[in-house]
Amino acid sequence: MILILAIAYPVAVALLFYFAFLRPVQQERKRQRWELSNLQVGDEVLTQAGFIAVVKEIRIPEERGPTEVVLDLGGLDVRAYASAIAQRLPRAEQVTKEQTAVEQGQR
């Protein structure tokens, strides 16, 4: 019985560590990769530095290397790696449709 408990406790701690720390990080990385793969010109994005910008151009390298994007920061074009994009912001039409659906549901 003691041997079973001696094995069960470290396994339980390892599982707790995995589900509390590692799994959420993996899911966030997967979500970010998915958003970057679906990025289109004209999308409004939030950068890791906190800037809100519009994607003006996407440059995929011919050889292996990081994807670059050209971001429009209100008249200023900035070149950055696609990994610097934290998230894609919802378009105005999507927000309006969601707000309309919520408002109709409340009435």
PDB file of N, CA and C in Angstrom:
ATOM      1  N   MET A   1       0.823  -1.198   0.000  1.00  0.00           N
ATOM      2  CA  MET A   1       0.000   0.000   0.000  1.00  0.00           C
ATOM      3  C   MET A   1       0.867   1.261   0.000  1.00  0.00           C
ATOM      4  N   ILE A   2       1.923   1.240   0.791  1.00  0.00           N
ATOM      5  CA  ILE A   2       2.811   2.397   0.864  1.00  0.00           C
ATOM      6  C   ILE A   2       3.510   2.604  -0.478  1.00  0.00           C
ATOM      7  N   LEU A   3       3.852   1.506  -1.142  1.00  0.00           N
ATOM      8  CA  LEU A   3       4.501   1.604  -2.446  1.00  0.00           C
ATOM      9  C   LEU A   3       3.573   2.257  -3.470  1.00  0.00           C
ATOM     10  N   ILE A   4       2.305   1.915  -3.422  1.00  0.00           N
ATOM     11  CA  ILE A   4       1.326   2.508  -4.342  1.00  0.00           C
ATOM     12  C   ILE A   4       1.208   4.006  -4.094  1.00  0.00           C
ATOM     13  N   LEU A   5       1.143   4.403  -2.829  1.00  0.00           N
ATOM     14  CA  LEU A   5       1.058   5.822  -2.502  1.00  0.00           C
ATOM     15  C   LEU A   5       2.346   6.557  -2.880  1.00  0.00           C
ATOM     16  N   ALA A   6       3.476   5.892  -2.711  1.00  0.00           N
ATOM     17  CA  ALA A   6       4.759   6.508  -3.057  1.00  0.00           C
ATOM     18  C   ALA A   6       4.848   6.773  -4.559  1.00  0.00           C
ATOM     19  N   ILE A   7       4.179   5.975  -5.348  1.00  0.00           N
ATOM     20  CA  ILE A   7       4.157   6.177  -6.797  1.00  0.00           C
ATOM     21  C   ILE A   7       3.028   7.137  -7.189  1.00  0.00           C
ATOM     22  N   ALA A   8       1.897   7.056  -6.507  1.00  0.00           N
ATOM     23  CA  ALA A   8       0.721   7.850  -6.860  1.00  0.00           C
ATOM     24  C   ALA A   8       0.930   9.345  -6.618  1.00  0.00           C
ATOM     25  N   TYR A   9       1.581   9.722  -5.533  1.00  0.00           N
ATOM     26  CA  TYR A   9       1.768  11.139  -5.232  1.00  0.00           C
ATOM     27  C   TYR A   9       2.601  11.869  -6.290  1.00  0.00           C
ATOM     28  N   PRO A  10       3.759  11.360  -6.681  1.00  0.00           N
ATOM     29  CA  PRO A  10       4.510  12.059  -7.740  1.00  0.00           C
ATOM     30  C   PRO A  10       3.757  12.104  -9.077  1.00  0.00           C
ATOM     31  N   VAL A  11       3.028  11.043  -9.389  1.00  0.00           N
ATOM     32  CA  VAL A  11       2.243  11.037 -10.624  1.00  0.00           C
ATOM     33  C   VAL A  11       1.142  12.090 -10.544  1.00  0.00           C
ATOM     34  N   ALA A  12       0.484  12.189  -9.395  1.00  0.00           N
ATOM     35  CA  ALA A  12      -0.575  13.183  -9.213  1.00  0.00           C
ATOM     36  C   ALA A  12      -0.015  14.603  -9.308  1.00  0.00           C
ATOM     37  N   VAL A  13       1.139  14.832  -8.719  1.00  0.00           N
ATOM     38  CA  VAL A  13       1.764  16.155  -8.786  1.00  0.00           C
ATOM     39  C   VAL A  13       2.160  16.481 -10.228  1.00  0.00           C
ATOM     40  N   ALA A  14       2.698  15.507 -10.948  1.00  0.00           N
ATOM     41  CA  ALA A  14       3.081  15.721 -12.344  1.00  0.00           C
ATOM     42  C   ALA A  14       1.854  16.046 -13.197  1.00  0.00           C
ATOM     43  N   LEU A  15       0.757  15.327 -12.990  1.00  0.00           N
ATOM     44  CA  LEU A  15      -0.473  15.605 -13.735  1.00  0.00           C
ATOM     45  C   LEU A  15      -1.023  16.990 -13.398  1.00  0.00           C
ATOM     46  N   LEU A  16      -0.992  17.351 -12.135  1.00  0.00           N
ATOM     47  CA  LEU A  16      -1.458  18.668 -11.717  1.00  0.00           C
ATOM     48  C   LEU A  16      -0.611  19.762 -12.370  1.00  0.00           C
ATOM     49  N   PHE A  17       0.702  19.582 -12.374  1.00  0.00           N
ATOM     50  CA  PHE A  17       1.605  20.541 -13.008  1.00  0.00           C
ATOM     51  C   PHE A  17       1.298  20.655 -14.500  1.00  0.00           C
ATOM     52  N   TYR A  18       1.083  19.523 -15.153  1.00  0.00           N
ATOM     53  CA  TYR A  18       0.796  19.525 -16.588  1.00  0.00           C
ATOM     54  C   TYR A  18      -0.492  20.289 -16.888  1.00  0.00           C
ATOM     55  N   PHE A  19      -1.572  19.966 -16.183  1.00  0.00           N
ATOM     56  CA  PHE A  19      -2.861  20.583 -16.481  1.00  0.00           C
ATOM     57  C   PHE A  19      -2.950  22.024 -15.989  1.00  0.00           C
ATOM     58  N   ALA A  20      -2.172  22.382 -14.977  1.00  0.00           N
ATOM     59  CA  ALA A  20      -2.226  23.749 -14.461  1.00  0.00           C
ATOM     60  C   ALA A  20      -1.317  24.703 -15.224  1.00  0.00           C
ATOM     61  N   PHE A  21      -0.179  24.208 -15.714  1.00  0.00           N
ATOM     62  CA  PHE A  21       0.798  25.112 -16.314  1.00  0.00           C
ATOM     63  C   PHE A  21       1.091  24.834 -17.784  1.00  0.00           C
ATOM     64  N   LEU A  22       1.400  23.620 -18.128  1.00  0.00           N
ATOM     65  CA  LEU A  22       1.841  23.319 -19.490  1.00  0.00           C
ATOM     66  C   LEU A  22       0.699  23.317 -20.501  1.00  0.00           C
ATOM     67  N   ARG A  23      -0.404  22.706 -20.179  1.00  0.00           N
ATOM     68  CA  ARG A  23      -1.518  22.598 -21.129  1.00  0.00           C
ATOM     69  C   ARG A  23      -2.075  23.961 -21.539  1.00  0.00           C
ATOM     70  N   PRO A  24      -2.319  24.888 -20.612  1.00  0.00           N
ATOM     71  CA  PRO A  24      -2.818  26.203 -21.048  1.00  0.00           C
ATOM     72  C   PRO A  24      -1.854  26.932 -21.987  1.00  0.00           C
ATOM     73  N   VAL A  25      -0.562  26.797 -21.755  1.00  0.00           N
ATOM     74  CA  VAL A  25       0.426  27.433 -22.632  1.00  0.00           C
ATOM     75  C   VAL A  25       0.370  26.810 -24.021  1.00  0.00           C
ATOM     76  N   GLN A  26       0.250  25.487 -24.085  1.00  0.00           N
ATOM     77  CA  GLN A  26       0.158  24.803 -25.378  1.00  0.00           C
ATOM     78  C   GLN A  26      -1.095  25.233 -26.135  1.00  0.00           C
ATOM     79  N   GLN A  27      -2.214  25.344 -25.428  1.00  0.00           N
ATOM     80  CA  GLN A  27      -3.459  25.746 -26.081  1.00  0.00           C
ATOM     81  C   GLN A  27      -3.375  27.181 -26.599  1.00  0.00           C
ATOM     82  N   GLU A  28      -2.742  28.067 -25.830  1.00  0.00           N
ATOM     83  CA  GLU A  28      -2.590  29.453 -26.264  1.00  0.00           C
ATOM     84  C   GLU A  28      -1.710  29.539 -27.504  1.00  0.00           C
ATOM     85  N   ARG A  29      -0.622  28.772 -27.534  1.00  0.00           N
ATOM     86  CA  ARG A  29       0.248  28.750 -28.718  1.00  0.00           C
ATOM     87  C   ARG A  29      -0.503  28.220 -29.936  1.00  0.00           C
ATOM     88  N   LYS A  30      -1.315  27.188 -29.736  1.00  0.00           N
ATOM     89  CA  LYS A  30      -2.087  26.609 -30.835  1.00  0.00           C
ATOM     90  C   LYS A  30      -3.090  27.632 -31.369  1.00  0.00           C
ATOM     91  N   ARG A  31      -3.759  28.346 -30.462  1.00  0.00           N
ATOM     92  CA  ARG A  31      -4.720  29.367 -30.865  1.00  0.00           C
ATOM     93  C   ARG A  31      -4.020  30.487 -31.637  1.00  0.00           C
ATOM     94  N   GLN A  32      -2.843  30.901 -31.170  1.00  0.00           N
ATOM     95  CA  GLN A  32      -2.118  31.971 -31.843  1.00  0.00           C
ATOM     96  C   GLN A  32      -1.642  31.534 -33.227  1.00  0.00           C
ATOM     97  N   ARG A  33      -1.158  30.292 -33.350  1.00  0.00           N
ATOM     98  CA  ARG A  33      -0.743  29.786 -34.667  1.00  0.00           C
ATOM     99  C   ARG A  33      -1.925  29.741 -35.625  1.00  0.00           C
ATOM    100  N   TRP A  34      -3.095  29.329 -35.117  1.00  0.00           N
ATOM    101  CA  TRP A  34      -4.293  29.260 -35.953  1.00  0.00           C
ATOM    102  C   TRP A  34      -4.683  30.663 -36.425  1.00  0.00           C
ATOM    103  N   GLU A  35      -4.662  31.642 -35.529  1.00  0.00           N
ATOM    104  CA  GLU A  35      -5.007  33.012 -35.910  1.00  0.00           C
ATOM    105  C   GLU A  35      -4.021  33.565 -36.933  1.00  0.00           C
ATOM    106  N   LEU A  36      -2.731  33.280 -36.751  1.00  0.00           N
ATOM    107  CA  LEU A  36      -1.732  33.776 -37.697  1.00  0.00           C
ATOM    108  C   LEU A  36      -1.886  33.128 -39.067  1.00  0.00           C
ATOM    109  N   SER A  37      -2.265  31.857 -39.091  1.00  0.00           N
ATOM    110  CA  SER A  37      -2.432  31.189 -40.385  1.00  0.00           C
ATOM    111  C   SER A  37      -3.659  31.712 -41.130  1.00  0.00           C
ATOM    112  N   ASN A  38      -4.630  32.252 -40.413  1.00  0.00           N
ATOM    113  CA  ASN A  38      -5.839  32.785 -41.039  1.00  0.00           C
ATOM    114  C   ASN A  38      -5.807  34.305 -41.187  1.00  0.00           C
ATOM    115  N   LEU A  39      -4.657  34.908 -40.958  1.00  0.00           N
ATOM    116  CA  LEU A  39      -4.508  36.354 -41.052  1.00  0.00           C
ATOM    117  C   LEU A  39      -4.642  36.804 -42.504  1.00  0.00           C
ATOM    118  N   GLN A  40      -5.366  37.893 -42.720  1.00  0.00           N
ATOM    119  CA  GLN A  40      -5.581  38.414 -44.073  1.00  0.00           C
ATOM    120  C   GLN A  40      -5.267  39.904 -44.101  1.00  0.00           C
ATOM    121  N   VAL A  41      -4.982  40.393 -45.298  1.00  0.00           N
ATOM    122  CA  VAL A  41      -4.761  41.828 -45.472  1.00  0.00           C
ATOM    123  C   VAL A  41      -6.056  42.552 -45.115  1.00  0.00           C
ATOM    124  N   GLY A  42      -5.953  43.609 -44.336  1.00  0.00           N
ATOM    125  CA  GLY A  42      -7.122  44.370 -43.911  1.00  0.00           C
ATOM    126  C   GLY A  42      -7.589  44.020 -42.512  1.00  0.00           C
ATOM    127  N   ASP A  43      -7.068  42.945 -41.930  1.00  0.00           N
ATOM    128  CA  ASP A  43      -7.444  42.566 -40.568  1.00  0.00           C
ATOM    129  C   ASP A  43      -6.857  43.553 -39.568  1.00  0.00           C
ATOM    130  N   GLU A  44      -7.631  43.862 -38.552  1.00  0.00           N
ATOM    131  CA  GLU A  44      -7.140  44.709 -37.470  1.00  0.00           C
ATOM    132  C   GLU A  44      -6.558  43.796 -36.401  1.00  0.00           C
ATOM    133  N   VAL A  45      -5.344  44.113 -35.953  1.00  0.00           N
ATOM    134  CA  VAL A  45      -4.641  43.244 -35.015  1.00  0.00           C
ATOM    135  C   VAL A  45      -4.128  44.047 -33.825  1.00  0.00           C
ATOM    136  N   LEU A  46      -3.864  43.327 -32.749  1.00  0.00           N
ATOM    137  CA  LEU A  46      -3.232  43.882 -31.558  1.00  0.00           C
ATOM    138  C   LEU A  46      -1.853  43.260 -31.467  1.00  0.00           C
ATOM    139  N   THR A  47      -0.816  44.093 -31.401  1.00  0.00           N
ATOM    140  CA  THR A  47       0.545  43.567 -31.333  1.00  0.00           C
ATOM    141  C   THR A  47       0.926  43.287 -29.886  1.00  0.00           C
ATOM    142  N   GLN A  48       2.016  42.554 -29.699  1.00  0.00           N
ATOM    143  CA  GLN A  48       2.492  42.245 -28.354  1.00  0.00           C
ATOM    144  C   GLN A  48       2.913  43.515 -27.624  1.00  0.00           C
ATOM    145  N   ALA A  49       3.267  44.561 -28.370  1.00  0.00           N
ATOM    146  CA  ALA A  49       3.663  45.834 -27.766  1.00  0.00           C
ATOM    147  C   ALA A  49       2.451  46.687 -27.387  1.00  0.00           C
ATOM    148  N   GLY A  50       1.251  46.240 -27.771  1.00  0.00           N
ATOM    149  CA  GLY A  50       0.036  46.959 -27.413  1.00  0.00           C
ATOM    150  C   GLY A  50      -0.485  47.894 -28.491  1.00  0.00           C
ATOM    151  N   PHE A  51       0.113  47.872 -29.673  1.00  0.00           N
ATOM    152  CA  PHE A  51      -0.346  48.720 -30.770  1.00  0.00           C
ATOM    153  C   PHE A  51      -1.508  48.051 -31.500  1.00  0.00           C
ATOM    154  N   ILE A  52      -2.494  48.852 -31.872  1.00  0.00           N
ATOM    155  CA  ILE A  52      -3.586  48.368 -32.712  1.00  0.00           C
ATOM    156  C   ILE A  52      -3.273  48.826 -34.127  1.00  0.00           C
ATOM    157  N   ALA A  53      -3.219  47.881 -35.054  1.00  0.00           N
ATOM    158  CA  ALA A  53      -2.801  48.187 -36.420  1.00  0.00           C
ATOM    159  C   ALA A  53      -3.640  47.396 -37.407  1.00  0.00           C
ATOM    160  N   VAL A  54      -3.530  47.770 -38.667  1.00  0.00           N
ATOM    161  CA  VAL A  54      -4.207  47.075 -39.761  1.00  0.00           C
ATOM    162  C   VAL A  54      -3.137  46.405 -40.613  1.00  0.00           C
ATOM    163  N   VAL A  55      -3.365  45.135 -40.952  1.00  0.00           N
ATOM    164  CA  VAL A  55      -2.408  44.401 -41.779  1.00  0.00           C
ATOM    165  C   VAL A  55      -2.491  44.942 -43.198  1.00  0.00           C
ATOM    166  N   LYS A  56      -1.355  45.420 -43.685  1.00  0.00           N
ATOM    167  CA  LYS A  56      -1.303  46.006 -45.023  1.00  0.00           C
ATOM    168  C   LYS A  56      -0.737  45.020 -46.035  1.00  0.00           C
ATOM    169  N   GLU A  57       0.203  44.183 -45.593  1.00  0.00           N
ATOM    170  CA  GLU A  57       0.853  43.233 -46.497  1.00  0.00           C
ATOM    171  C   GLU A  57       1.389  42.071 -45.671  1.00  0.00           C
ATOM    172  N   ILE A  58       1.346  40.870 -46.259  1.00  0.00           N
ATOM    173  CA  ILE A  58       1.905  39.676 -45.622  1.00  0.00           C
ATOM    174  C   ILE A  58       3.001  39.152 -46.536  1.00  0.00           C
ATOM    175  N   ARG A  59       4.209  39.024 -45.998  1.00  0.00           N
ATOM    176  CA  ARG A  59       5.354  38.559 -46.787  1.00  0.00           C
ATOM    177  C   ARG A  59       5.783  37.187 -46.294  1.00  0.00           C
ATOM    178  N   ILE A  60       5.528  36.171 -47.102  1.00  0.00           N
ATOM    179  CA  ILE A  60       5.933  34.808 -46.765  1.00  0.00           C
ATOM    180  C   ILE A  60       7.264  34.551 -47.463  1.00  0.00           C
ATOM    181  N   PRO A  61       8.308  34.201 -46.717  1.00  0.00           N
ATOM    182  CA  PRO A  61       9.627  34.016 -47.334  1.00  0.00           C
ATOM    183  C   PRO A  61       9.657  32.802 -48.257  1.00  0.00           C
ATOM    184  N   GLU A  62      10.486  32.899 -49.311  1.00  0.00           N
ATOM    185  CA  GLU A  62      10.624  31.779 -50.240  1.00  0.00           C
ATOM    186  C   GLU A  62      11.320  30.609 -49.559  1.00  0.00           C
ATOM    187  N   GLU A  63      12.329  30.916 -48.770  1.00  0.00           N
ATOM    188  CA  GLU A  63      13.011  29.876 -48.005  1.00  0.00           C
ATOM    189  C   GLU A  63      12.458  29.888 -46.589  1.00  0.00           C
ATOM    190  N   ARG A  64      12.916  28.944 -45.803  1.00  0.00           N
ATOM    191  CA  ARG A  64      12.461  28.894 -44.414  1.00  0.00           C
ATOM    192  C   ARG A  64      12.835  30.168 -43.686  1.00  0.00           C
ATOM    193  N   GLY A  65      11.923  30.633 -42.913  1.00  0.00           N
ATOM    194  CA  GLY A  65      12.163  31.850 -42.153  1.00  0.00           C
ATOM    195  C   GLY A  65      10.848  32.385 -41.621  1.00  0.00           C
ATOM    196  N   PRO A  66      10.914  33.383 -40.764  1.00  0.00           N
ATOM    197  CA  PRO A  66       9.684  33.921 -40.182  1.00  0.00           C
ATOM    198  C   PRO A  66       8.884  34.743 -41.189  1.00  0.00           C
ATOM    199  N   THR A  67       7.581  34.644 -41.083  1.00  0.00           N
ATOM    200  CA  THR A  67       6.684  35.430 -41.922  1.00  0.00           C
ATOM    201  C   THR A  67       6.699  36.870 -41.431  1.00  0.00           C
ATOM    202  N   GLU A  68       6.790  37.803 -42.358  1.00  0.00           N
ATOM    203  CA  GLU A  68       6.772  39.219 -42.015  1.00  0.00           C
ATOM    204  C   GLU A  68       5.429  39.813 -42.416  1.00  0.00           C
ATOM    205  N   VAL A  69       5.019  40.825 -41.679  1.00  0.00           N
ATOM    206  CA  VAL A  69       3.808  41.565 -42.017  1.00  0.00           C
ATOM    207  C   VAL A  69       4.148  43.050 -42.031  1.00  0.00           C
ATOM    208  N   VAL A  70       3.452  43.774 -42.868  1.00  0.00           N
ATOM    209  CA  VAL A  70       3.560  45.231 -42.866  1.00  0.00           C
ATOM    210  C   VAL A  70       2.279  45.739 -42.223  1.00  0.00           C
ATOM    211  N   LEU A  71       2.435  46.481 -41.140  1.00  0.00           N
ATOM    212  CA  LEU A  71       1.298  46.971 -40.371  1.00  0.00           C
ATOM    213  C   LEU A  71       1.135  48.468 -40.575  1.00  0.00           C
ATOM    214  N   ASP A  72      -0.104  48.896 -40.730  1.00  0.00           N
ATOM    215  CA  ASP A  72      -0.417  50.317 -40.863  1.00  0.00           C
ATOM    216  C   ASP A  72      -0.855  50.816 -39.491  1.00  0.00           C
ATOM    217  N   LEU A  73      -0.051  51.708 -38.924  1.00  0.00           N
ATOM    218  CA  LEU A  73      -0.357  52.276 -37.611  1.00  0.00           C
ATOM    219  C   LEU A  73      -0.886  53.701 -37.765  1.00  0.00           C
ATOM    220  N   GLY A  74      -1.893  53.867 -38.581  1.00  0.00           N
ATOM    221  CA  GLY A  74      -2.468  55.191 -38.780  1.00  0.00           C
ATOM    222  C   GLY A  74      -1.567  56.100 -39.585  1.00  0.00           C
ATOM    223  N   GLY A  75      -1.142  55.640 -40.736  1.00  0.00           N
ATOM    224  CA  GLY A  75      -0.295  56.436 -41.606  1.00  0.00           C
ATOM    225  C   GLY A  75       1.176  56.077 -41.527  1.00  0.00           C
ATOM    226  N   LEU A  76       1.555  55.278 -40.567  1.00  0.00           N
ATOM    227  CA  LEU A  76       2.940  54.843 -40.418  1.00  0.00           C
ATOM    228  C   LEU A  76       3.008  53.350 -40.700  1.00  0.00           C
ATOM    229  N   ASP A  77       3.783  52.964 -41.709  1.00  0.00           N
ATOM    230  CA  ASP A  77       3.933  51.548 -42.042  1.00  0.00           C
ATOM    231  C   ASP A  77       5.098  50.969 -41.257  1.00  0.00           C
ATOM    232  N   VAL A  78       4.848  49.848 -40.587  1.00  0.00           N
ATOM    233  CA  VAL A  78       5.861  49.197 -39.760  1.00  0.00           C
ATOM    234  C   VAL A  78       5.989  47.752 -40.201  1.00  0.00           C
ATOM    235  N   ARG A  79       7.231  47.307 -40.394  1.00  0.00           N
ATOM    236  CA  ARG A  79       7.495  45.907 -40.730  1.00  0.00           C
ATOM    237  C   ARG A  79       7.742  45.146 -39.436  1.00  0.00           C
ATOM    238  N   ALA A  80       7.117  43.973 -39.302  1.00  0.00           N
ATOM    239  CA  ALA A  80       7.283  43.175 -38.086  1.00  0.00           C
ATOM    240  C   ALA A  80       7.136  41.702 -38.427  1.00  0.00           C
ATOM    241  N   TYR A  81       7.627  40.861 -37.532  1.00  0.00           N
ATOM    242  CA  TYR A  81       7.396  39.430 -37.673  1.00  0.00           C
ATOM    243  C   TYR A  81       5.946  39.144 -37.307  1.00  0.00           C
ATOM    244  N   ALA A  82       5.370  38.157 -37.951  1.00  0.00           N
ATOM    245  CA  ALA A  82       3.981  37.797 -37.664  1.00  0.00           C
ATOM    246  C   ALA A  82       3.818  37.319 -36.225  1.00  0.00           C
ATOM    247  N   SER A  83       4.871  36.773 -35.643  1.00  0.00           N
ATOM    248  CA  SER A  83       4.790  36.303 -34.258  1.00  0.00           C
ATOM    249  C   SER A  83       4.633  37.456 -33.271  1.00  0.00           C
ATOM    250  N   ALA A  84       4.837  38.703 -33.710  1.00  0.00           N
ATOM    251  CA  ALA A  84       4.652  39.869 -32.843  1.00  0.00           C
ATOM    252  C   ALA A  84       3.176  40.235 -32.694  1.00  0.00           C
ATOM    253  N   ILE A  85       2.309  39.554 -33.440  1.00  0.00           N
ATOM    254  CA  ILE A  85       0.876  39.820 -33.349  1.00  0.00           C
ATOM    255  C   ILE A  85       0.297  38.980 -32.221  1.00  0.00           C
ATOM    256  N   ALA A  86      -0.308  39.645 -31.258  1.00  0.00           N
ATOM    257  CA  ALA A  86      -0.884  38.950 -30.107  1.00  0.00           C
ATOM    258  C   ALA A  86      -2.240  38.347 -30.451  1.00  0.00           C
ATOM    259  N   GLN A  87      -3.082  39.116 -31.140  1.00  0.00           N
ATOM    260  CA  GLN A  87      -4.396  38.600 -31.518  1.00  0.00           C
ATOM    261  C   GLN A  87      -4.991  39.436 -32.635  1.00  0.00           C
ATOM    262  N   ARG A  88      -5.911  38.807 -33.320  1.00  0.00           N
ATOM    263  CA  ARG A  88      -6.659  39.502 -34.369  1.00  0.00           C
ATOM    264  C   ARG A  88      -7.918  40.049 -33.715  1.00  0.00           C
ATOM    265  N   LEU A  89      -8.207  41.306 -33.952  1.00  0.00           N
ATOM    266  CA  LEU A  89      -9.382  41.934 -33.359  1.00  0.00           C
ATOM    267  C   LEU A  89     -10.595  41.680 -34.247  1.00  0.00           C
ATOM    268  N   PRO A  90     -11.779  41.563 -33.645  1.00  0.00           N
ATOM    269  CA  PRO A  90     -12.979  41.310 -34.457  1.00  0.00           C
ATOM    270  C   PRO A  90     -13.292  42.510 -35.345  1.00  0.00           C
ATOM    271  N   ARG A  91     -13.811  42.203 -36.516  1.00  0.00           N
ATOM    272  CA  ARG A  91     -14.195  43.267 -37.452  1.00  0.00           C
ATOM    273  C   ARG A  91     -15.441  43.968 -36.937  1.00  0.00           C
ATOM    274  N   ALA A  92     -15.658  45.177 -37.398  1.00  0.00           N
ATOM    275  CA  ALA A  92     -16.794  45.979 -36.948  1.00  0.00           C
ATOM    276  C   ALA A  92     -18.114  45.289 -37.269  1.00  0.00           C
ATOM    277  N   GLU A  93     -18.198  44.617 -38.440  1.00  0.00           N
ATOM    278  CA  GLU A  93     -19.450  43.942 -38.807  1.00  0.00           C
ATOM    279  C   GLU A  93     -19.750  42.805 -37.840  1.00  0.00           C
ATOM    280  N   GLN A  94     -18.702  42.074 -37.425  1.00  0.00           N
ATOM    281  CA  GLN A  94     -18.898  40.955 -36.509  1.00  0.00           C
ATOM    282  C   GLN A  94     -19.390  41.456 -35.161  1.00  0.00           C
ATOM    283  N   VAL A  95     -18.799  42.539 -34.672  1.00  0.00           N
ATOM    284  CA  VAL A  95     -19.196  43.097 -33.382  1.00  0.00           C
ATOM    285  C   VAL A  95     -20.634  43.579 -33.450  1.00  0.00           C
ATOM    286  N   THR A  96     -21.011  44.245 -34.542  1.00  0.00           N
ATOM    287  CA  THR A  96     -22.372  44.749 -34.696  1.00  0.00           C
ATOM    288  C   THR A  96     -23.373  43.602 -34.720  1.00  0.00           C
ATOM    289  N   LYS A  97     -23.079  42.531 -35.453  1.00  0.00           N
ATOM    290  CA  LYS A  97     -23.981  41.376 -35.509  1.00  0.00           C
ATOM    291  C   LYS A  97     -24.130  40.738 -34.136  1.00  0.00           C
ATOM    292  N   GLU A  98     -23.024  40.600 -33.408  1.00  0.00           N
ATOM    293  CA  GLU A  98     -23.078  39.992 -32.081  1.00  0.00           C
ATOM    294  C   GLU A  98     -23.867  40.869 -31.121  1.00  0.00           C
ATOM    295  N   GLN A  99     -23.675  42.192 -31.186  1.00  0.00           N
ATOM    296  CA  GLN A  99     -24.414  43.096 -30.314  1.00  0.00           C
ATOM    297  C   GLN A  99     -25.899  43.052 -30.634  1.00  0.00           C
ATOM    298  N   THR A 100     -26.245  42.990 -31.913  1.00  0.00           N
ATOM    299  CA  THR A 100     -27.644  42.914 -32.321  1.00  0.00           C
ATOM    300  C   THR A 100     -28.274  41.630 -31.805  1.00  0.00           C
ATOM    301  N   ALA A 101     -27.554  40.521 -31.911  1.00  0.00           N
ATOM    302  CA  ALA A 101     -28.079  39.244 -31.434  1.00  0.00           C
ATOM    303  C   ALA A 101     -28.292  39.277 -29.927  1.00  0.00           C
ATOM    304  N   VAL A 102     -27.368  39.884 -29.202  1.00  0.00           N
ATOM    305  CA  VAL A 102     -27.496  39.973 -27.745  1.00  0.00           C
ATOM    306  C   VAL A 102     -28.668  40.866 -27.381  1.00  0.00           C
ATOM    307  N   GLU A 103     -28.795  42.013 -28.059  1.00  0.00           N
ATOM    308  CA  GLU A 103     -29.891  42.935 -27.771  1.00  0.00           C
ATOM    309  C   GLU A 103     -31.244  42.305 -28.076  1.00  0.00           C
ATOM    310  N   GLN A 104     -31.355  41.557 -29.171  1.00  0.00           N
ATOM    311  CA  GLN A 104     -32.618  40.913 -29.517  1.00  0.00           C
ATOM    312  C   GLN A 104     -32.955  39.822 -28.514  1.00  0.00           C
ATOM    313  N   GLY A 105     -31.951  39.161 -27.996  1.00  0.00           N
ATOM    314  CA  GLY A 105     -32.179  38.114 -27.003  1.00  0.00           C
ATOM    315  C   GLY A 105     -32.625  38.671 -25.667  1.00  0.00           C
ATOM    316  N   GLN A 106     -32.258  39.912 -25.369  1.00  0.00           N
ATOM    317  CA  GLN A 106     -32.611  40.524 -24.092  1.00  0.00           C
ATOM    318  C   GLN A 106     -34.020  41.083 -24.103  1.00  0.00           C
ATOM    319  N   ARG A 107     -34.555  41.350 -25.276  1.00  0.00           N
ATOM    320  CA  ARG A 107     -35.895  41.953 -25.345  1.00  0.00           C
ATOM    321  C   ARG A 107     -36.966  40.934 -25.194  1.00  0.00           C
TER     322      ARG A 107
END
